[in-house]
N, C-alpha and C. Protein backbone atom coordinates (compact mmCIF):
# COMPACT_ATOMS: atom_id res chain seq x y z
N MET A 1 -41.88 -14.92 19.41
CA MET A 1 -40.44 -14.71 18.87
C MET A 1 -39.73 -15.28 20.04
N THR A 2 -38.62 -16.08 19.70
CA THR A 2 -37.58 -17.02 20.43
C THR A 2 -36.16 -15.74 20.41
N ALA A 3 -35.51 -16.12 21.81
CA ALA A 3 -34.27 -15.22 21.93
C ALA A 3 -33.32 -16.23 21.69
N ASN A 4 -32.25 -15.88 20.90
CA ASN A 4 -30.66 -16.56 20.88
C ASN A 4 -30.39 -15.70 22.14
N ILE A 5 -29.69 -16.49 23.00
CA ILE A 5 -28.63 -16.24 24.02
C ILE A 5 -27.13 -16.57 23.96
N HIS A 6 -26.53 -15.62 24.03
CA HIS A 6 -25.18 -15.93 23.48
C HIS A 6 -24.47 -15.67 24.66
N VAL A 7 -23.19 -16.20 24.95
CA VAL A 7 -22.55 -16.12 26.20
C VAL A 7 -21.10 -15.23 25.69
N LEU A 8 -21.10 -13.98 26.50
CA LEU A 8 -19.81 -13.61 25.99
C LEU A 8 -18.74 -13.94 26.73
N ARG A 9 -17.77 -14.52 26.34
CA ARG A 9 -16.31 -14.89 26.84
C ARG A 9 -15.02 -14.00 26.67
N THR A 10 -14.30 -13.51 27.64
CA THR A 10 -13.41 -12.86 27.81
C THR A 10 -12.20 -13.26 28.21
N THR A 11 -10.72 -13.26 27.64
CA THR A 11 -9.81 -14.06 28.34
C THR A 11 -8.48 -13.07 28.26
N ALA A 12 -7.60 -13.43 29.15
CA ALA A 12 -6.63 -12.40 28.96
C ALA A 12 -5.39 -13.05 28.26
N VAL A 13 -5.56 -13.92 27.54
CA VAL A 13 -4.61 -14.28 26.50
C VAL A 13 -5.36 -14.09 25.07
N THR A 14 -4.40 -13.10 24.12
CA THR A 14 -5.21 -12.87 23.19
C THR A 14 -4.38 -13.08 21.89
N ASP A 15 -4.58 -12.80 20.94
CA ASP A 15 -4.10 -13.07 19.39
C ASP A 15 -3.40 -11.42 19.10
N ARG A 16 -2.15 -11.70 19.80
CA ARG A 16 -1.60 -10.06 19.57
C ARG A 16 -1.20 -10.04 18.03
N GLU A 17 -0.40 -10.79 17.51
CA GLU A 17 -0.15 -10.64 16.20
C GLU A 17 -1.13 -10.39 15.34
N SER A 18 -2.48 -11.07 15.55
CA SER A 18 -3.46 -10.41 14.94
C SER A 18 -3.89 -9.17 14.96
N ALA A 19 -3.85 -8.45 16.39
CA ALA A 19 -4.17 -7.23 16.70
C ALA A 19 -3.36 -6.12 16.03
N VAL A 20 -2.08 -6.68 15.80
CA VAL A 20 -0.89 -6.15 15.34
C VAL A 20 -0.89 -5.73 13.91
N ARG A 21 -1.19 -6.97 13.05
CA ARG A 21 -1.55 -6.85 11.80
C ARG A 21 -2.56 -6.01 11.36
N THR A 22 -3.62 -6.07 12.03
CA THR A 22 -5.02 -5.54 11.96
C THR A 22 -4.44 -3.55 12.09
N LEU A 23 -3.54 -3.40 13.12
CA LEU A 23 -3.53 -2.01 13.22
C LEU A 23 -2.19 -1.27 12.14
N GLU A 24 -1.56 -2.41 11.88
CA GLU A 24 -0.76 -2.01 10.95
C GLU A 24 -1.30 -1.72 9.48
N LYS A 25 -2.16 -2.43 9.25
CA LYS A 25 -3.09 -2.40 7.75
C LYS A 25 -3.34 -0.93 7.90
N MET A 26 -4.28 -1.09 9.12
CA MET A 26 -5.15 0.66 9.29
C MET A 26 -4.14 1.59 8.68
N LEU A 27 -3.28 1.61 9.82
CA LEU A 27 -2.00 2.70 9.57
C LEU A 27 -1.56 2.84 8.24
N GLN A 28 -1.28 1.81 7.53
CA GLN A 28 -0.87 1.72 6.07
C GLN A 28 -1.88 2.65 5.11
N LEU A 29 -3.24 2.05 5.04
CA LEU A 29 -4.33 2.88 4.47
C LEU A 29 -4.41 4.12 4.84
N ALA A 30 -4.53 4.49 6.33
CA ALA A 30 -4.25 6.12 6.64
C ALA A 30 -3.04 6.55 5.87
N ARG A 31 -1.91 5.82 5.84
CA ARG A 31 -0.76 6.87 5.17
C ARG A 31 -1.00 7.04 3.91
N GLU A 32 -1.93 6.26 3.18
CA GLU A 32 -1.97 6.35 1.73
C GLU A 32 -2.79 7.27 1.38
N GLY A 33 -3.45 7.84 2.33
CA GLY A 33 -4.87 8.62 2.24
C GLY A 33 -6.16 7.89 1.84
N ASN A 34 -6.01 6.59 2.26
CA ASN A 34 -7.58 5.94 2.01
C ASN A 34 -8.39 5.72 2.87
N VAL A 35 -7.71 6.56 4.33
CA VAL A 35 -8.82 6.26 5.35
C VAL A 35 -9.08 7.93 5.53
N GLN A 36 -10.40 8.20 6.06
CA GLN A 36 -10.54 9.60 6.53
C GLN A 36 -10.88 9.99 7.86
N GLY A 37 -11.27 8.50 8.58
CA GLY A 37 -11.63 8.46 9.99
C GLY A 37 -11.51 6.94 10.49
N VAL A 38 -11.12 7.10 11.72
CA VAL A 38 -11.25 6.05 12.18
C VAL A 38 -11.57 5.71 13.87
N ALA A 39 -12.10 4.38 13.95
CA ALA A 39 -12.58 4.35 15.58
C ALA A 39 -12.01 2.78 15.64
N VAL A 40 -11.74 3.20 17.18
CA VAL A 40 -11.02 1.78 17.36
C VAL A 40 -11.63 1.26 18.99
N ALA A 41 -12.03 -0.01 19.08
CA ALA A 41 -12.45 -0.39 20.12
C ALA A 41 -11.64 -1.55 20.50
N TRP A 42 -11.00 -2.02 21.76
CA TRP A 42 -10.22 -2.83 22.26
C TRP A 42 -10.75 -3.56 23.35
N VAL A 43 -10.48 -4.70 23.93
CA VAL A 43 -9.98 -5.42 25.26
C VAL A 43 -8.71 -5.46 25.24
N ASP A 44 -8.54 -5.17 26.55
CA ASP A 44 -7.34 -5.46 27.45
C ASP A 44 -7.33 -7.07 28.01
N ALA A 45 -5.79 -6.99 28.51
CA ALA A 45 -5.24 -8.36 28.74
C ALA A 45 -6.32 -8.63 30.21
N THR A 46 -6.68 -7.56 30.87
CA THR A 46 -8.10 -7.92 31.80
C THR A 46 -9.48 -8.13 31.49
N GLY A 47 -9.30 -7.90 30.30
CA GLY A 47 -11.06 -8.29 29.82
C GLY A 47 -11.79 -6.74 30.08
N CYS A 48 -11.05 -5.75 30.54
CA CYS A 48 -11.76 -4.35 30.21
C CYS A 48 -11.46 -3.93 28.80
N VAL A 49 -13.01 -3.16 28.57
CA VAL A 49 -12.95 -2.64 27.50
C VAL A 49 -12.94 -1.18 27.17
N ASN A 50 -12.63 -0.50 25.95
CA ASN A 50 -12.52 0.77 26.24
C ASN A 50 -12.85 1.12 24.19
N GLY A 51 -12.58 2.38 23.68
CA GLY A 51 -12.80 2.65 22.42
C GLY A 51 -12.47 4.17 22.43
N THR A 52 -12.10 4.86 21.06
CA THR A 52 -11.91 6.18 20.78
C THR A 52 -11.85 6.06 19.11
N TRP A 53 -11.68 7.43 19.02
CA TRP A 53 -12.01 7.83 17.27
C TRP A 53 -11.37 9.06 16.95
N SER A 54 -11.09 9.26 15.49
CA SER A 54 -10.61 10.32 15.30
C SER A 54 -11.80 11.28 14.78
N ASP A 55 -11.00 12.53 14.85
CA ASP A 55 -11.88 14.04 14.41
C ASP A 55 -12.47 13.43 12.76
N GLY A 56 -13.63 13.97 12.74
CA GLY A 56 -14.30 14.04 11.11
C GLY A 56 -15.85 14.04 11.57
N ASP A 57 -16.30 13.23 10.44
CA ASP A 57 -18.05 13.11 10.28
C ASP A 57 -18.23 12.12 11.27
N ALA A 58 -19.23 12.53 12.13
CA ALA A 58 -19.34 11.70 13.39
C ALA A 58 -20.63 11.04 13.09
N ALA A 59 -21.55 11.33 12.17
CA ALA A 59 -22.38 10.54 11.43
C ALA A 59 -22.00 9.34 10.62
N ALA A 60 -20.77 9.57 9.48
CA ALA A 60 -20.37 8.33 9.00
C ALA A 60 -19.68 7.70 9.79
N MET A 61 -19.11 8.00 10.73
CA MET A 61 -18.21 7.11 11.64
C MET A 61 -19.29 6.08 12.39
N LEU A 62 -20.20 6.83 13.02
CA LEU A 62 -21.50 5.91 13.43
C LEU A 62 -22.19 4.77 12.46
N GLY A 63 -22.57 5.26 11.00
CA GLY A 63 -22.59 4.14 10.19
C GLY A 63 -21.61 3.46 10.15
N ALA A 64 -20.17 3.63 10.00
CA ALA A 64 -19.16 2.42 10.17
C ALA A 64 -19.36 1.60 10.98
N VAL A 65 -19.31 2.17 12.39
CA VAL A 65 -19.34 1.34 13.54
C VAL A 65 -20.39 0.54 13.81
N SER A 66 -21.89 0.97 13.23
CA SER A 66 -22.77 0.13 13.22
C SER A 66 -22.49 -0.75 12.20
N TYR A 67 -22.00 -0.90 11.01
CA TYR A 67 -21.72 -1.90 10.07
C TYR A 67 -20.97 -2.91 10.70
N LEU A 68 -19.92 -2.34 11.44
CA LEU A 68 -18.92 -3.56 12.05
C LEU A 68 -19.66 -4.14 13.15
N GLN A 69 -20.51 -3.61 13.88
CA GLN A 69 -21.40 -4.01 14.68
C GLN A 69 -22.05 -5.43 13.94
N SER A 70 -22.76 -5.11 13.35
CA SER A 70 -23.27 -6.20 12.31
C SER A 70 -22.35 -7.22 11.87
N ARG A 71 -21.36 -6.86 11.26
CA ARG A 71 -20.54 -8.10 10.88
C ARG A 71 -19.64 -8.91 12.17
N LEU A 72 -19.58 -8.34 13.33
CA LEU A 72 -19.28 -9.24 14.59
C LEU A 72 -20.62 -10.15 15.15
N LEU A 73 -21.77 -9.52 14.91
CA LEU A 73 -22.94 -10.43 15.28
C LEU A 73 -22.88 -11.62 14.24
N ASP A 74 -22.78 -11.36 12.78
CA ASP A 74 -22.68 -12.35 12.13
C ASP A 74 -21.80 -13.35 12.53
N ALA A 75 -20.72 -12.63 13.15
CA ALA A 75 -19.54 -13.63 13.38
C ALA A 75 -19.84 -14.88 14.84
N LEU A 76 -20.53 -14.11 15.78
CA LEU A 76 -20.94 -14.77 16.75
C LEU A 76 -22.01 -16.18 16.35
N LYS A 77 -22.56 -15.66 15.20
CA LYS A 77 -23.28 -16.81 14.65
C LYS A 77 -22.57 -18.07 14.00
N GLU A 78 -21.63 -17.90 13.52
CA GLU A 78 -20.70 -19.16 13.17
C GLU A 78 -20.12 -20.18 14.09
């Protein structure tokens, strides 16, 4: 078995417009009643990470976060 080593890099320079577009899209979906729960993870300008989530079905939220983790790992492979 071989291990793939990925170097994780953070930077204080972020694509703020992408973050704003993503948050606005999610807010619109929530206002339309199409979102039952949300989890948010973020990296601030200093590289610190944090996260929060809404009330609701914790098991469903964990499944959604696991799905997102899988997509992020796939993005690292590109």
